[in-house]
Structures are given as structure tokens and as C-alpha cells.
Amino acid sequence: MMDNKASHKCATCPTRHKTEWRDLTIQELAVVEQAKHAREYVPGEVLFHQGDNSDGVYCVQEGLVGARYIDVDGHSVLLRLSSAGTTVGYRAFLAKQPHGSSAEVLSPSFICFIEGAALSRLLVSNPQVGERFLEHVVKDIGDTENLYARSLTSSIKARFLHAIMVFYKQQGYRDESGNPTVKLPLKRSDIAEMIGAQPESISRLVRSLQTEGLMQFEGRKVFISNMDAVLLELGVTM
């Protein structure tokens, strides 16, 4: 697809306030602009593969990217999701190590690649950039620990409900009748990977949730029929 740099300036990026670039001066943003390659991606494209060397970072302006790890036996696990305002691939770049997982585009996305040489200059000239990346590292570690703890202490049902509520928080809406609704950004098999469940377990769980009247499923669209009951299942009170 065509490079769309001209119509996606860093200074006016709608998600910059979420990124490590939010403290940059106009002059520093110009450095990023010169080192940036921006384009649209379709689901299934890979930004980098596990084991590739890092030569820069990717900033997600729109869409969804999944970090996928494949073990020596070929088993695949979806580790985390990166949505708009997230920088992808930064840990391998900062550590000067190969990427520990692949980055796969999961929904139509607009993503900017920023060359490593420019990022290295910014890390020297503006210490706040390094601080923002450090904050990102700490958040990722915390999210990983929480996910691991949840996998040990929560039922598959609770993990699945938690995943749906995360998606609802990110991109949910109220339909014309006022019902909480979300379109799942992932296939059920990918959600199963994320929460440590078998796909057939998710299929049974979907039927059970519909029978209980908690949620209704139409393809990837989920209607949350009883929000109070869902929150109660998760130990959250209104």
C-alpha cells in the first residue's frame, strides 16, 4: 500500500498523547517525521518475526497488533495485544537483542515504523523519551504478572469474561437499544490462546453464557445482556 506520511503528521496524531513521543518538541517531532514510514496494514501481515534483529520500532495509530510466541515444538501463544497509541518492538531495540516474539496485525491498521537511528538520537537528546519507555516496560511486566496470576487463580469462565470486558472497555459501545455491545477483535481460537484455554472449552462456555442470559453472541459481536451479573462474576461491584 502507499506510504501515507503526508496526511499523518506526528504533531497532529490523535494518539500521540498516549505514546512515548508525547513530550517531544516540534524540532524533535520533525526528526521522527524524517525517520518515519507510515502505511496501512491488513490482518495477517507481520511487522517482524520472532528472532529477527530490531532496526526500529512501530507505533500503532489505528488497529490492533498481537505479539505471538512460537515454541520449539511449533505451539503458538498470543501473548499480548497492542492497540492505538502503543509502541511495538521497543524492548528488543532497547536491549539490542532479537525480537522474542512475532508481531502480527490482527485488524485493519495504520502503523508508523520509526528508524532506530533517529530513536537513538532522541534517547540521548531527550531523557523523557527513555523515561516513557521505562514506564511502558513496567506496565508490560505488571500486565504479564496479572495475566499469569489470573491464569493460576481464576476459572476459564472468569478469564473469558475478563477478556471480553477488556475489549468492551477499549472499543465497546451501546447499541440503539442502549445495550452494552462489543465486536471482538480476535477469533475465538486467539482468545483461547490468550487465556490458556482450549478452543472447544470456549465454544462450550459461549453456549453456557447464552443459556445463563449473561451474554449473547452473533459471530464476533457480543451483546452483554446482564452487566451486573458479569461484574459480579468478576468480583466487581457497581
C-alpha atoms as a PDB file:
ATOM      1  CA  MET A   1       0.000   0.000   0.000  1.00  0.00           C
ATOM      2  CA  MET A   2       1.048   3.607  -0.495  1.00  0.00           C
ATOM      3  CA  ASP A   3       3.071   5.424   2.133  1.00  0.00           C
ATOM      4  CA  ASN A   4       0.690   7.973   3.651  1.00  0.00           C
ATOM      5  CA  LYS A   5       3.177  10.111   5.554  1.00  0.00           C
ATOM      6  CA  ALA A   6       1.853  13.416   4.247  1.00  0.00           C
ATOM      7  CA  SER A   7      -1.597  13.024   5.785  1.00  0.00           C
ATOM      8  CA  HIS A   8      -0.485  11.537   9.123  1.00  0.00           C
ATOM      9  CA  LYS A   9       1.750  14.056  10.851  1.00  0.00           C
ATOM     10  CA  CYS A  10       3.149  13.233  14.290  1.00  0.00           C
ATOM     11  CA  ALA A  11       2.230  16.694  15.612  1.00  0.00           C
ATOM     12  CA  THR A  12      -1.454  16.091  14.902  1.00  0.00           C
ATOM     13  CA  CYS A  13      -1.569  12.346  15.565  1.00  0.00           C
ATOM     14  CA  PRO A  14      -4.750  11.632  17.581  1.00  0.00           C
ATOM     15  CA  THR A  15      -2.987   9.008  19.719  1.00  0.00           C
ATOM     16  CA  ARG A  16       0.334  10.788  20.380  1.00  0.00           C
ATOM     17  CA  HIS A  17      -0.751  11.727  23.909  1.00  0.00           C
ATOM     18  CA  LYS A  18      -0.639   8.008  24.761  1.00  0.00           C
ATOM     19  CA  THR A  19       2.805   7.367  23.335  1.00  0.00           C
ATOM     20  CA  GLU A  20       6.438   7.809  24.313  1.00  0.00           C
ATOM     21  CA  TRP A  21       6.567  10.725  21.846  1.00  0.00           C
ATOM     22  CA  ARG A  22       4.152  12.961  23.755  1.00  0.00           C
ATOM     23  CA  ASP A  23       6.918  15.103  25.317  1.00  0.00           C
ATOM     24  CA  LEU A  24       8.821  15.802  22.106  1.00  0.00           C
ATOM     25  CA  THR A  25       9.433  19.355  20.906  1.00  0.00           C
ATOM     26  CA  ILE A  26       8.434  20.483  17.427  1.00  0.00           C
ATOM     27  CA  GLN A  27      12.053  20.088  16.330  1.00  0.00           C
ATOM     28  CA  GLU A  28      12.236  16.550  17.747  1.00  0.00           C
ATOM     29  CA  LEU A  29       8.947  15.622  16.093  1.00  0.00           C
ATOM     30  CA  ALA A  30      10.498  16.733  12.812  1.00  0.00           C
ATOM     31  CA  VAL A  31      13.286  14.190  13.403  1.00  0.00           C
ATOM     32  CA  VAL A  32      10.666  11.462  13.852  1.00  0.00           C
ATOM     33  CA  GLU A  33       8.856  12.614  10.698  1.00  0.00           C
ATOM     34  CA  GLN A  34      12.031  12.258   8.649  1.00  0.00           C
ATOM     35  CA  ALA A  35      12.647   8.743  10.004  1.00  0.00           C
ATOM     36  CA  LYS A  36       9.041   7.557   9.781  1.00  0.00           C
ATOM     37  CA  HIS A  37       7.460   5.206   7.249  1.00  0.00           C
ATOM     38  CA  ALA A  38       3.686   5.026   7.669  1.00  0.00           C
ATOM     39  CA  ARG A  39       1.204   2.828   5.870  1.00  0.00           C
ATOM     40  CA  GLU A  40      -1.927   0.745   6.192  1.00  0.00           C
ATOM     41  CA  TYR A  41      -1.729  -2.949   7.100  1.00  0.00           C
ATOM     42  CA  VAL A  42      -4.232  -5.739   6.609  1.00  0.00           C
ATOM     43  CA  PRO A  43      -4.893  -8.616   9.039  1.00  0.00           C
ATOM     44  CA  GLY A  44      -2.289 -11.348   8.722  1.00  0.00           C
ATOM     45  CA  GLU A  45       0.650  -9.104   7.860  1.00  0.00           C
ATOM     46  CA  VAL A  46       3.680  -9.452  10.128  1.00  0.00           C
ATOM     47  CA  LEU A  47       5.677  -6.444  11.327  1.00  0.00           C
ATOM     48  CA  PHE A  48       8.584  -8.636  12.414  1.00  0.00           C
ATOM     49  CA  HIS A  49       9.205 -12.310  13.133  1.00  0.00           C
ATOM     50  CA  GLN A  50      10.426 -13.945  16.308  1.00  0.00           C
ATOM     51  CA  GLY A  51      14.227 -13.990  16.161  1.00  0.00           C
ATOM     52  CA  ASP A  52      14.533 -11.025  13.763  1.00  0.00           C
ATOM     53  CA  ASN A  53      17.012  -8.308  14.639  1.00  0.00           C
ATOM     54  CA  SER A  54      15.490  -4.958  15.579  1.00  0.00           C
ATOM     55  CA  ASP A  55      16.152  -1.914  13.423  1.00  0.00           C
ATOM     56  CA  GLY A  56      13.452   0.366  14.808  1.00  0.00           C
ATOM     57  CA  VAL A  57      10.046   0.484  16.473  1.00  0.00           C
ATOM     58  CA  TYR A  58       6.429   0.521  15.314  1.00  0.00           C
ATOM     59  CA  CYS A  59       3.816   2.978  16.558  1.00  0.00           C
ATOM     60  CA  VAL A  60       0.200   1.835  16.183  1.00  0.00           C
ATOM     61  CA  GLN A  61      -2.035   4.747  15.222  1.00  0.00           C
ATOM     62  CA  GLU A  62      -5.114   2.668  14.390  1.00  0.00           C
ATOM     63  CA  GLY A  63      -5.911  -1.031  14.650  1.00  0.00           C
ATOM     64  CA  LEU A  64      -4.648  -3.988  16.652  1.00  0.00           C
ATOM     65  CA  VAL A  65      -1.357  -5.932  16.742  1.00  0.00           C
ATOM     66  CA  GLY A  66      -0.749  -9.203  18.582  1.00  0.00           C
ATOM     67  CA  ALA A  67       2.547 -10.476  19.988  1.00  0.00           C
ATOM     68  CA  ARG A  68       2.768 -14.176  19.140  1.00  0.00           C
ATOM     69  CA  TYR A  69       5.329 -16.596  20.595  1.00  0.00           C
ATOM     70  CA  ILE A  70       6.069 -19.967  18.976  1.00  0.00           C
ATOM     71  CA  ASP A  71       7.934 -22.625  20.951  1.00  0.00           C
ATOM     72  CA  VAL A  72      10.371 -25.232  19.599  1.00  0.00           C
ATOM     73  CA  ASP A  73       7.500 -27.671  19.027  1.00  0.00           C
ATOM     74  CA  GLY A  74       5.581 -25.161  16.928  1.00  0.00           C
ATOM     75  CA  HIS A  75       2.950 -24.354  19.540  1.00  0.00           C
ATOM     76  CA  SER A  76       1.673 -20.791  19.210  1.00  0.00           C
ATOM     77  CA  VAL A  77       0.620 -18.481  22.050  1.00  0.00           C
ATOM     78  CA  LEU A  78      -0.826 -14.992  21.704  1.00  0.00           C
ATOM     79  CA  LEU A  79       0.954 -13.092  24.483  1.00  0.00           C
ATOM     80  CA  ARG A  80      -0.448  -9.582  24.380  1.00  0.00           C
ATOM     81  CA  LEU A  81      -2.351  -7.065  22.292  1.00  0.00           C
ATOM     82  CA  SER A  82      -1.234  -3.603  21.223  1.00  0.00           C
ATOM     83  CA  SER A  83      -3.909  -1.100  20.244  1.00  0.00           C
ATOM     84  CA  ALA A  84      -3.850   2.545  19.107  1.00  0.00           C
ATOM     85  CA  GLY A  85      -1.223   4.617  20.896  1.00  0.00           C
ATOM     86  CA  THR A  86       1.096   1.684  21.614  1.00  0.00           C
ATOM     87  CA  THR A  87       4.721   1.302  20.520  1.00  0.00           C
ATOM     88  CA  VAL A  88       5.611  -2.219  19.386  1.00  0.00           C
ATOM     89  CA  GLY A  89       9.045  -3.834  19.290  1.00  0.00           C
ATOM     90  CA  TYR A  90      10.699  -1.346  21.618  1.00  0.00           C
ATOM     91  CA  ARG A  91      12.104  -3.893  24.103  1.00  0.00           C
ATOM     92  CA  ALA A  92      14.220  -5.710  21.529  1.00  0.00           C
ATOM     93  CA  PHE A  93      15.502  -2.385  20.225  1.00  0.00           C
ATOM     94  CA  LEU A  94      16.429  -1.036  23.656  1.00  0.00           C
ATOM     95  CA  ALA A  95      18.019  -4.330  24.726  1.00  0.00           C
ATOM     96  CA  LYS A  96      19.838  -4.710  21.387  1.00  0.00           C
ATOM     97  CA  GLN A  97      18.507  -8.269  21.173  1.00  0.00           C
ATOM     98  CA  PRO A  98      16.473 -10.197  18.595  1.00  0.00           C
ATOM     99  CA  HIS A  99      12.705  -9.994  18.925  1.00  0.00           C
ATOM    100  CA  GLY A 100      11.393 -12.567  21.425  1.00  0.00           C
ATOM    101  CA  SER A 101       8.047 -12.874  19.616  1.00  0.00           C
ATOM    102  CA  SER A 102       6.428 -12.009  16.309  1.00  0.00           C
ATOM    103  CA  ALA A 103       4.153  -9.001  15.800  1.00  0.00           C
ATOM    104  CA  GLU A 104       1.077  -9.909  13.760  1.00  0.00           C
ATOM    105  CA  VAL A 105      -1.537  -7.449  12.525  1.00  0.00           C
ATOM    106  CA  LEU A 106      -4.966  -8.633  13.713  1.00  0.00           C
ATOM    107  CA  SER A 107      -7.280  -5.955  12.334  1.00  0.00           C
ATOM    108  CA  PRO A 108      -7.029  -3.272   9.621  1.00  0.00           C
ATOM    109  CA  SER A 109      -4.352  -0.950  10.974  1.00  0.00           C
ATOM    110  CA  PHE A 110      -2.371   2.193  10.284  1.00  0.00           C
ATOM    111  CA  ILE A 111       1.153   1.859  11.683  1.00  0.00           C
ATOM    112  CA  CYS A 112       4.274   4.009  11.605  1.00  0.00           C
ATOM    113  CA  PHE A 113       7.750   2.466  11.538  1.00  0.00           C
ATOM    114  CA  ILE A 114      10.407   4.714  13.119  1.00  0.00           C
ATOM    115  CA  GLU A 115      14.016   4.026  12.167  1.00  0.00           C
ATOM    116  CA  GLY A 116      16.322   3.053  15.005  1.00  0.00           C
ATOM    117  CA  ALA A 117      18.993   5.683  14.302  1.00  0.00           C
ATOM    118  CA  ALA A 118      16.508   8.501  14.912  1.00  0.00           C
ATOM    119  CA  LEU A 119      15.206   6.861  18.092  1.00  0.00           C
ATOM    120  CA  SER A 120      18.772   6.502  19.409  1.00  0.00           C
ATOM    121  CA  ARG A 121      19.369  10.231  18.866  1.00  0.00           C
ATOM    122  CA  LEU A 122      16.134  11.108  20.682  1.00  0.00           C
ATOM    123  CA  LEU A 123      17.020   8.895  23.643  1.00  0.00           C
ATOM    124  CA  VAL A 124      20.229  10.905  24.035  1.00  0.00           C
ATOM    125  CA  SER A 125      18.752  14.361  23.432  1.00  0.00           C
ATOM    126  CA  ASN A 126      15.532  13.947  25.432  1.00  0.00           C
ATOM    127  CA  PRO A 127      15.736  11.829  28.619  1.00  0.00           C
ATOM    128  CA  GLN A 128      11.940  11.928  28.956  1.00  0.00           C
ATOM    129  CA  VAL A 129      11.673   9.581  25.959  1.00  0.00           C
ATOM    130  CA  GLY A 130      13.675   6.965  27.856  1.00  0.00           C
ATOM    131  CA  GLU A 131      11.526   7.527  30.944  1.00  0.00           C
ATOM    132  CA  ARG A 132       8.372   6.908  28.927  1.00  0.00           C
ATOM    133  CA  PHE A 133       9.778   3.665  27.564  1.00  0.00           C
ATOM    134  CA  LEU A 134      10.713   2.639  31.113  1.00  0.00           C
ATOM    135  CA  GLU A 135       7.111   3.288  32.178  1.00  0.00           C
ATOM    136  CA  HIS A 136       5.987   1.093  29.277  1.00  0.00           C
ATOM    137  CA  VAL A 137       8.317  -1.709  30.395  1.00  0.00           C
ATOM    138  CA  VAL A 138       6.960  -1.566  33.953  1.00  0.00           C
ATOM    139  CA  LYS A 139       3.352  -1.618  32.721  1.00  0.00           C
ATOM    140  CA  ASP A 140       4.030  -4.591  30.424  1.00  0.00           C
ATOM    141  CA  ILE A 141       5.653  -6.509  33.283  1.00  0.00           C
ATOM    142  CA  GLY A 142       2.699  -5.744  35.537  1.00  0.00           C
ATOM    143  CA  ASP A 143       0.203  -6.820  32.894  1.00  0.00           C
ATOM    144  CA  THR A 144       2.129 -10.074  32.348  1.00  0.00           C
ATOM    145  CA  GLU A 145       2.218 -10.810  36.078  1.00  0.00           C
ATOM    146  CA  ASN A 146      -1.510 -10.113  36.413  1.00  0.00           C
ATOM    147  CA  LEU A 147      -2.272 -12.367  33.450  1.00  0.00           C
ATOM    148  CA  TYR A 148      -0.144 -15.162  34.908  1.00  0.00           C
ATOM    149  CA  ALA A 149      -1.746 -14.813  38.343  1.00  0.00           C
ATOM    150  CA  ARG A 150      -5.214 -14.816  36.785  1.00  0.00           C
ATOM    151  CA  SER A 151      -4.399 -17.990  34.854  1.00  0.00           C
ATOM    152  CA  LEU A 152      -3.468 -19.726  38.130  1.00  0.00           C
ATOM    153  CA  THR A 153      -6.285 -18.464  40.310  1.00  0.00           C
ATOM    154  CA  SER A 154      -9.274 -17.838  38.044  1.00  0.00           C
ATOM    155  CA  SER A 155     -11.629 -20.176  36.257  1.00  0.00           C
ATOM    156  CA  ILE A 156     -11.750 -20.259  32.454  1.00  0.00           C
ATOM    157  CA  LYS A 157     -15.125 -18.544  32.688  1.00  0.00           C
ATOM    158  CA  ALA A 158     -13.695 -15.650  34.706  1.00  0.00           C
ATOM    159  CA  ARG A 159     -10.725 -15.308  32.354  1.00  0.00           C
ATOM    160  CA  PHE A 160     -13.005 -15.265  29.318  1.00  0.00           C
ATOM    161  CA  LEU A 161     -15.355 -12.710  30.860  1.00  0.00           C
ATOM    162  CA  HIS A 162     -12.373 -10.559  31.836  1.00  0.00           C
ATOM    163  CA  ALA A 163     -11.082 -10.625  28.246  1.00  0.00           C
ATOM    164  CA  ILE A 164     -14.473  -9.577  26.884  1.00  0.00           C
ATOM    165  CA  MET A 165     -14.715  -6.746  29.402  1.00  0.00           C
ATOM    166  CA  VAL A 166     -11.237  -5.541  28.405  1.00  0.00           C
ATOM    167  CA  PHE A 167     -12.365  -5.460  24.767  1.00  0.00           C
ATOM    168  CA  TYR A 168     -15.547  -3.668  25.816  1.00  0.00           C
ATOM    169  CA  LYS A 169     -13.542  -1.040  27.716  1.00  0.00           C
ATOM    170  CA  GLN A 170     -11.321  -0.488  24.676  1.00  0.00           C
ATOM    171  CA  GLN A 171     -13.918  -0.364  21.917  1.00  0.00           C
ATOM    172  CA  GLY A 172     -17.352  -1.189  23.265  1.00  0.00           C
ATOM    173  CA  TYR A 173     -20.472   0.875  22.675  1.00  0.00           C
ATOM    174  CA  ARG A 174     -24.193   0.995  23.388  1.00  0.00           C
ATOM    175  CA  ASP A 175     -26.441  -0.181  20.558  1.00  0.00           C
ATOM    176  CA  GLU A 176     -29.630   1.600  19.501  1.00  0.00           C
ATOM    177  CA  SER A 177     -31.454  -0.052  22.406  1.00  0.00           C
ATOM    178  CA  GLY A 178     -28.796   1.007  24.910  1.00  0.00           C
ATOM    179  CA  ASN A 179     -27.371  -2.495  25.358  1.00  0.00           C
ATOM    180  CA  PRO A 180     -23.594  -2.829  26.005  1.00  0.00           C
ATOM    181  CA  THR A 181     -22.080  -4.250  22.822  1.00  0.00           C
ATOM    182  CA  VAL A 182     -18.600  -5.076  21.580  1.00  0.00           C
ATOM    183  CA  LYS A 183     -17.224  -6.586  18.399  1.00  0.00           C
ATOM    184  CA  LEU A 184     -14.437  -8.982  19.352  1.00  0.00           C
ATOM    185  CA  PRO A 185     -11.187  -8.041  17.587  1.00  0.00           C
ATOM    186  CA  LEU A 186      -9.920 -11.646  17.738  1.00  0.00           C
ATOM    187  CA  LYS A 187     -11.056 -15.063  16.652  1.00  0.00           C
ATOM    188  CA  ARG A 188     -12.219 -17.285  19.486  1.00  0.00           C
ATOM    189  CA  SER A 189      -9.181 -19.507  18.959  1.00  0.00           C
ATOM    190  CA  ASP A 190      -6.909 -16.496  19.569  1.00  0.00           C
ATOM    191  CA  ILE A 191      -8.839 -15.579  22.711  1.00  0.00           C
ATOM    192  CA  ALA A 192      -8.449 -19.172  23.867  1.00  0.00           C
ATOM    193  CA  GLU A 193      -4.674 -18.882  23.414  1.00  0.00           C
ATOM    194  CA  MET A 194      -4.574 -15.664  25.410  1.00  0.00           C
ATOM    195  CA  ILE A 195      -6.437 -17.051  28.412  1.00  0.00           C
ATOM    196  CA  GLY A 196      -4.857 -20.518  28.358  1.00  0.00           C
ATOM    197  CA  ALA A 197      -7.924 -22.492  27.266  1.00  0.00           C
ATOM    198  CA  GLN A 198      -8.801 -24.957  24.540  1.00  0.00           C
ATOM    199  CA  PRO A 199     -10.991 -23.674  21.677  1.00  0.00           C
ATOM    200  CA  GLU A 200     -13.628 -26.309  22.428  1.00  0.00           C
ATOM    201  CA  SER A 201     -13.806 -25.021  26.015  1.00  0.00           C
ATOM    202  CA  ILE A 202     -14.581 -21.546  24.687  1.00  0.00           C
ATOM    203  CA  SER A 203     -17.336 -22.934  22.459  1.00  0.00           C
ATOM    204  CA  ARG A 204     -18.952 -24.652  25.446  1.00  0.00           C
ATOM    205  CA  LEU A 205     -18.541 -21.512  27.525  1.00  0.00           C
ATOM    206  CA  VAL A 206     -20.243 -19.355  24.898  1.00  0.00           C
ATOM    207  CA  ARG A 207     -23.260 -21.674  24.918  1.00  0.00           C
ATOM    208  CA  SER A 208     -23.317 -21.623  28.717  1.00  0.00           C
ATOM    209  CA  LEU A 209     -23.175 -17.818  28.927  1.00  0.00           C
ATOM    210  CA  GLN A 210     -26.056 -17.558  26.493  1.00  0.00           C
ATOM    211  CA  THR A 211     -28.096 -20.084  28.480  1.00  0.00           C
ATOM    212  CA  GLU A 212     -27.402 -18.129  31.692  1.00  0.00           C
ATOM    213  CA  GLY A 213     -28.528 -14.930  30.000  1.00  0.00           C
ATOM    214  CA  LEU A 214     -25.246 -13.124  30.642  1.00  0.00           C
ATOM    215  CA  MET A 215     -24.266 -12.560  27.028  1.00  0.00           C
ATOM    216  CA  GLN A 216     -25.469 -13.214  23.517  1.00  0.00           C
ATOM    217  CA  PHE A 217     -23.104 -13.943  20.642  1.00  0.00           C
ATOM    218  CA  GLU A 218     -23.633 -13.261  16.937  1.00  0.00           C
ATOM    219  CA  GLY A 219     -20.396 -14.135  15.186  1.00  0.00           C
ATOM    220  CA  ARG A 220     -17.819 -11.798  16.720  1.00  0.00           C
ATOM    221  CA  LYS A 221     -20.432  -9.401  18.077  1.00  0.00           C
ATOM    222  CA  VAL A 222     -21.203  -9.768  21.779  1.00  0.00           C
ATOM    223  CA  PHE A 223     -24.260  -8.293  23.491  1.00  0.00           C
ATOM    224  CA  ILE A 224     -23.804  -8.048  27.266  1.00  0.00           C
ATOM    225  CA  SER A 225     -27.295  -8.905  28.467  1.00  0.00           C
ATOM    226  CA  ASN A 226     -26.654  -8.660  32.211  1.00  0.00           C
ATOM    227  CA  MET A 227     -23.754  -6.361  33.044  1.00  0.00           C
ATOM    228  CA  ASP A 228     -24.348  -6.537  36.807  1.00  0.00           C
ATOM    229  CA  ALA A 229     -24.127 -10.337  36.774  1.00  0.00           C
ATOM    230  CA  VAL A 230     -20.955 -10.254  34.662  1.00  0.00           C
ATOM    231  CA  LEU A 231     -19.295  -7.805  37.048  1.00  0.00           C
ATOM    232  CA  LEU A 232     -20.411  -9.937  39.997  1.00  0.00           C
ATOM    233  CA  GLU A 233     -18.750 -12.972  38.380  1.00  0.00           C
ATOM    234  CA  LEU A 234     -15.548 -10.918  38.178  1.00  0.00           C
ATOM    235  CA  GLY A 235     -15.810  -9.730  41.765  1.00  0.00           C
ATOM    236  CA  VAL A 236     -16.546  -6.139  40.768  1.00  0.00           C
ATOM    237  CA  THR A 237     -19.374  -4.216  42.424  1.00  0.00           C
ATOM    238  CA  MET A 238     -21.130  -1.218  40.924  1.00  0.00           C
END
